[in-house]
Amino acid sequence: MTREQLLQSVYDIMKDKLELPTLSSFNESARLNEDLYMDSIMILQLLLHVELDLGIGVPDEVLSPKELHTVRTLIDFLDRLQKAEEHA
């Protein structure tokens, strides 16, 4: 999956699965907490959908707040995880 496809997939999950009302603020520099108003439970739900719908494993031990700060850091993080799985 390309980075652009990842971005679109995360947007689709936020729209269709989480029904996030703040998607008008969605862009790569949008902060998950401050701009999209996602709390920790919503972020966990997003990561669960990433695992189930996209098949990208997100191990608990690699999660850190810096990876979940903006849409860009989240997509970069997921892209790295995806590439690591491909090379495993």
C-alpha atoms as a PDB file:
ATOM      1  CA  MET A   1       0.000   0.000   0.000  1.00  0.00           C
ATOM      2  CA  THR A   2       1.419   3.379  -0.966  1.00  0.00           C
ATOM      3  CA  ARG A   3       1.656   6.283   1.458  1.00  0.00           C
ATOM      4  CA  GLU A   4      -1.210   8.013  -0.390  1.00  0.00           C
ATOM      5  CA  GLN A   5      -3.372   4.887  -0.084  1.00  0.00           C
ATOM      6  CA  LEU A   6      -2.566   4.734   3.638  1.00  0.00           C
ATOM      7  CA  LEU A   7      -3.611   8.363   4.032  1.00  0.00           C
ATOM      8  CA  GLN A   8      -6.887   7.719   2.203  1.00  0.00           C
ATOM      9  CA  SER A   9      -7.524   4.539   4.219  1.00  0.00           C
ATOM     10  CA  VAL A  10      -6.996   6.362   7.527  1.00  0.00           C
ATOM     11  CA  TYR A  11      -9.347   9.114   6.346  1.00  0.00           C
ATOM     12  CA  ASP A  12     -11.948   6.503   5.364  1.00  0.00           C
ATOM     13  CA  ILE A  13     -11.680   4.788   8.763  1.00  0.00           C
ATOM     14  CA  MET A  14     -12.111   8.124  10.557  1.00  0.00           C
ATOM     15  CA  LYS A  15     -15.111   8.946   8.367  1.00  0.00           C
ATOM     16  CA  ASP A  16     -16.897   5.597   8.094  1.00  0.00           C
ATOM     17  CA  LYS A  17     -15.927   3.657  11.226  1.00  0.00           C
ATOM     18  CA  LEU A  18     -15.315   6.382  13.813  1.00  0.00           C
ATOM     19  CA  GLU A  19     -17.771   8.878  12.264  1.00  0.00           C
ATOM     20  CA  LEU A  20     -15.442  11.699  13.287  1.00  0.00           C
ATOM     21  CA  PRO A  21     -17.335  15.014  13.069  1.00  0.00           C
ATOM     22  CA  THR A  22     -14.158  17.092  12.674  1.00  0.00           C
ATOM     23  CA  LEU A  23     -12.945  15.698   9.336  1.00  0.00           C
ATOM     24  CA  SER A  24     -13.103  19.117   7.708  1.00  0.00           C
ATOM     25  CA  SER A  25      -9.816  19.702   9.571  1.00  0.00           C
ATOM     26  CA  PHE A  26      -8.210  16.537   8.141  1.00  0.00           C
ATOM     27  CA  ASN A  27      -4.843  17.131   6.483  1.00  0.00           C
ATOM     28  CA  GLU A  28      -1.329  15.839   7.078  1.00  0.00           C
ATOM     29  CA  SER A  29      -0.451  18.561   9.570  1.00  0.00           C
ATOM     30  CA  ALA A  30      -3.694  18.161  11.569  1.00  0.00           C
ATOM     31  CA  ARG A  31      -3.024  17.196  15.185  1.00  0.00           C
ATOM     32  CA  LEU A  32      -5.054  14.188  16.279  1.00  0.00           C
ATOM     33  CA  ASN A  33      -5.925  15.617  19.701  1.00  0.00           C
ATOM     34  CA  GLU A  34      -6.103  19.360  19.162  1.00  0.00           C
ATOM     35  CA  ASP A  35      -7.426  19.650  15.586  1.00  0.00           C
ATOM     36  CA  LEU A  36      -9.404  16.443  15.056  1.00  0.00           C
ATOM     37  CA  TYR A  37     -10.490  16.210  18.724  1.00  0.00           C
ATOM     38  CA  MET A  38      -9.604  12.537  19.026  1.00  0.00           C
ATOM     39  CA  ASP A  39      -9.212  11.284  22.584  1.00  0.00           C
ATOM     40  CA  SER A  40      -7.093   8.283  23.557  1.00  0.00           C
ATOM     41  CA  ILE A  41     -10.013   5.848  23.160  1.00  0.00           C
ATOM     42  CA  MET A  42     -10.718   7.081  19.627  1.00  0.00           C
ATOM     43  CA  ILE A  43      -7.037   6.737  18.717  1.00  0.00           C
ATOM     44  CA  LEU A  44      -7.046   3.163  20.027  1.00  0.00           C
ATOM     45  CA  GLN A  45     -10.181   2.451  17.981  1.00  0.00           C
ATOM     46  CA  LEU A  46      -8.449   3.888  14.918  1.00  0.00           C
ATOM     47  CA  LEU A  47      -5.415   1.648  15.485  1.00  0.00           C
ATOM     48  CA  LEU A  48      -7.689  -1.377  15.938  1.00  0.00           C
ATOM     49  CA  HIS A  49      -9.356  -0.653  12.586  1.00  0.00           C
ATOM     50  CA  VAL A  50      -5.922  -0.214  10.986  1.00  0.00           C
ATOM     51  CA  GLU A  51      -5.003  -3.681  12.229  1.00  0.00           C
ATOM     52  CA  LEU A  52      -8.298  -5.343  11.271  1.00  0.00           C
ATOM     53  CA  ASP A  53      -9.139  -3.518   8.037  1.00  0.00           C
ATOM     54  CA  LEU A  54      -5.682  -2.862   6.619  1.00  0.00           C
ATOM     55  CA  GLY A  55      -3.806  -5.812   8.103  1.00  0.00           C
ATOM     56  CA  ILE A  56      -1.025  -3.677   9.553  1.00  0.00           C
ATOM     57  CA  GLY A  57       0.083  -4.989  12.944  1.00  0.00           C
ATOM     58  CA  VAL A  58       0.629  -2.269  15.551  1.00  0.00           C
ATOM     59  CA  PRO A  59       2.576  -3.786  18.461  1.00  0.00           C
ATOM     60  CA  ASP A  60       1.932  -2.071  21.807  1.00  0.00           C
ATOM     61  CA  GLU A  61       5.629  -1.854  22.584  1.00  0.00           C
ATOM     62  CA  VAL A  62       6.352   0.411  19.595  1.00  0.00           C
ATOM     63  CA  LEU A  63       3.573   2.909  20.290  1.00  0.00           C
ATOM     64  CA  SER A  64       4.630   6.311  21.526  1.00  0.00           C
ATOM     65  CA  PRO A  65       2.873   9.677  21.759  1.00  0.00           C
ATOM     66  CA  LYS A  66       5.182  11.235  19.146  1.00  0.00           C
ATOM     67  CA  GLU A  67       3.912   8.732  16.549  1.00  0.00           C
ATOM     68  CA  LEU A  68       0.334   9.787  17.263  1.00  0.00           C
ATOM     69  CA  HIS A  69       0.731  13.562  17.242  1.00  0.00           C
ATOM     70  CA  THR A  70      -0.349  14.508  13.716  1.00  0.00           C
ATOM     71  CA  VAL A  71      -1.861  12.752  10.741  1.00  0.00           C
ATOM     72  CA  ARG A  72       1.601  12.909   9.099  1.00  0.00           C
ATOM     73  CA  THR A  73       3.402  11.240  12.033  1.00  0.00           C
ATOM     74  CA  LEU A  74       0.691   8.569  12.164  1.00  0.00           C
ATOM     75  CA  ILE A  75       0.955   7.834   8.425  1.00  0.00           C
ATOM     76  CA  ASP A  76       4.778   7.773   8.616  1.00  0.00           C
ATOM     77  CA  PHE A  77       4.544   5.360  11.557  1.00  0.00           C
ATOM     78  CA  LEU A  78       2.084   3.054   9.759  1.00  0.00           C
ATOM     79  CA  ASP A  79       4.183   3.181   6.593  1.00  0.00           C
ATOM     80  CA  ARG A  80       7.278   2.077   8.569  1.00  0.00           C
ATOM     81  CA  LEU A  81       5.326  -0.756  10.223  1.00  0.00           C
ATOM     82  CA  GLN A  82       3.973  -1.908   6.882  1.00  0.00           C
ATOM     83  CA  LYS A  83       7.438  -1.920   5.286  1.00  0.00           C
ATOM     84  CA  ALA A  84       8.899  -3.795   8.272  1.00  0.00           C
ATOM     85  CA  GLU A  85       6.215  -6.484   7.880  1.00  0.00           C
ATOM     86  CA  GLU A  86       6.970  -6.795   4.155  1.00  0.00           C
ATOM     87  CA  HIS A  87      10.659  -7.378   4.891  1.00  0.00           C
ATOM     88  CA  ALA A  88      10.102  -9.761   7.809  1.00  0.00           C
END
